[in-house]
Amino acid sequence: MNEQMVLMQLVAPAGQASLLSDFLLAERHTPFFTAVELAGYGQPHEQLTPDEQVAGAQRKVKFELELPQADVEALLKKLSDALPALTLAWRVLPILNQGTLGD
């Protein structure tokens, strides 16, 4: 029986991204992950920094990692314990199929 793999997305403010990447790099059981900068829209104006108010968007970084579904809760608990001040949105998506094309 194959273990159900999922794609976990973690979204943090850009100013906290290094905390999260350092945690993931230090975590022995964390698989390969990617990170991409993005702009978040729709937040209440008072939650934005002055620079973000001018830009109209909040700078964020989204991390994606593939892991067994059974490991999700443990990773979230470790994150919460290790980085209690981290502002983090997360989402877990099933991986229905995957592969590679070309070399």
Protein backbone atom coordinates (compact mmCIF):
# COMPACT_ATOMS: atom_id res chain seq x y z
CA MET A 1 0.00 0.00 0.00
CA ASN A 2 1.42 3.38 -1.05
CA GLU A 3 1.54 6.22 1.39
CA GLN A 4 -0.62 9.19 0.34
CA MET A 5 1.68 12.06 -0.60
CA VAL A 6 0.48 15.65 -0.32
CA LEU A 7 1.68 19.07 -1.34
CA MET A 8 1.96 21.36 1.66
CA GLN A 9 1.92 25.09 1.00
CA LEU A 10 3.17 27.47 3.67
CA VAL A 11 2.76 31.22 3.12
CA ALA A 12 4.59 33.70 5.34
CA PRO A 13 5.24 37.44 5.21
CA ALA A 14 8.46 38.14 3.31
CA GLY A 15 10.09 39.50 6.47
CA GLN A 16 9.66 36.12 8.19
CA ALA A 17 10.62 33.89 5.26
CA SER A 18 14.19 33.33 6.43
CA LEU A 19 12.91 32.00 9.78
CA LEU A 20 10.80 29.45 7.96
CA SER A 21 13.48 28.45 5.45
CA ASP A 22 16.04 28.05 8.25
CA PHE A 23 13.61 25.83 10.17
CA LEU A 24 12.88 23.67 7.12
CA LEU A 25 16.58 23.32 6.28
CA ALA A 26 17.39 22.29 9.85
CA GLU A 27 14.50 19.83 10.10
CA ARG A 28 16.03 16.44 9.31
CA HIS A 29 12.85 14.87 7.96
CA THR A 30 11.75 17.78 5.80
CA PRO A 31 12.00 16.89 2.11
CA PHE A 32 13.19 19.11 -0.71
CA PHE A 33 11.16 22.32 -0.83
CA THR A 34 10.75 25.35 -3.04
CA ALA A 35 10.05 28.97 -2.21
CA VAL A 36 8.71 31.75 -4.39
CA GLU A 37 8.03 35.41 -3.66
CA LEU A 38 4.50 36.60 -4.30
CA ALA A 39 2.20 39.55 -3.73
CA GLY A 40 -0.84 39.12 -1.49
CA TYR A 41 -3.90 41.25 -2.26
CA GLY A 42 -7.08 41.92 -0.33
CA GLN A 43 -5.74 42.39 3.19
CA PRO A 44 -7.30 45.15 5.27
CA HIS A 45 -5.42 48.43 4.74
CA GLU A 46 -4.47 48.71 8.43
CA GLN A 47 -2.62 45.37 8.26
CA LEU A 48 -0.23 46.66 5.59
CA THR A 49 3.08 48.43 6.13
CA PRO A 50 3.41 51.90 4.58
CA ASP A 51 5.38 50.44 1.63
CA GLU A 52 2.69 47.77 1.13
CA GLN A 53 -0.03 50.43 1.28
CA VAL A 54 1.68 52.31 -1.55
CA ALA A 55 2.16 49.10 -3.56
CA GLY A 56 -1.37 47.88 -2.77
CA ALA A 57 -0.12 44.40 -1.91
CA GLN A 58 1.63 42.52 0.86
CA ARG A 59 4.96 40.83 0.09
CA LYS A 60 4.86 37.15 0.96
CA VAL A 61 6.84 33.98 0.32
CA LYS A 62 5.17 30.65 -0.49
CA PHE A 63 6.98 27.43 0.37
CA GLU A 64 5.91 24.12 -1.15
CA LEU A 65 7.00 20.72 0.01
CA GLU A 66 5.89 17.20 -0.80
CA LEU A 67 5.52 14.89 2.17
CA PRO A 68 3.47 11.95 3.42
CA GLN A 69 0.04 13.04 4.62
CA ALA A 70 0.74 11.29 7.93
CA ASP A 71 3.60 13.75 8.61
CA VAL A 72 1.59 16.97 8.19
CA GLU A 73 0.29 17.39 11.75
CA ALA A 74 3.69 16.65 13.29
CA LEU A 75 5.38 19.24 11.07
CA LEU A 76 2.77 21.87 11.92
CA LYS A 77 3.24 21.16 15.64
CA LYS A 78 7.04 21.45 15.33
CA LEU A 79 6.65 24.73 13.44
CA SER A 80 4.27 26.11 16.05
CA ASP A 81 6.55 25.09 18.92
CA ALA A 82 9.79 26.30 17.31
CA LEU A 83 8.47 29.55 15.81
CA PRO A 84 5.54 30.75 17.94
CA ALA A 85 5.74 34.32 16.58
CA LEU A 86 5.64 33.19 12.93
CA THR A 87 2.59 34.36 10.98
CA LEU A 88 1.81 31.44 8.70
CA ALA A 89 -1.02 30.40 6.41
CA TRP A 90 -0.94 26.77 5.32
CA ARG A 91 -2.77 24.45 2.97
CA VAL A 92 -2.45 20.75 2.17
CA LEU A 93 -3.41 19.42 -1.26
CA PRO A 94 -3.53 15.79 -2.42
CA ILE A 95 -1.09 14.77 -5.13
CA LEU A 96 -3.21 12.80 -7.55
CA ASN A 97 -0.52 12.22 -10.14
CA GLN A 98 2.95 13.43 -10.98
CA GLY A 99 5.95 12.76 -13.15
CA THR A 100 8.62 14.35 -15.27
CA LEU A 101 8.94 15.06 -18.97
CA GLY A 102 12.21 15.05 -20.85
CA ASP A 103 15.61 14.67 -19.25
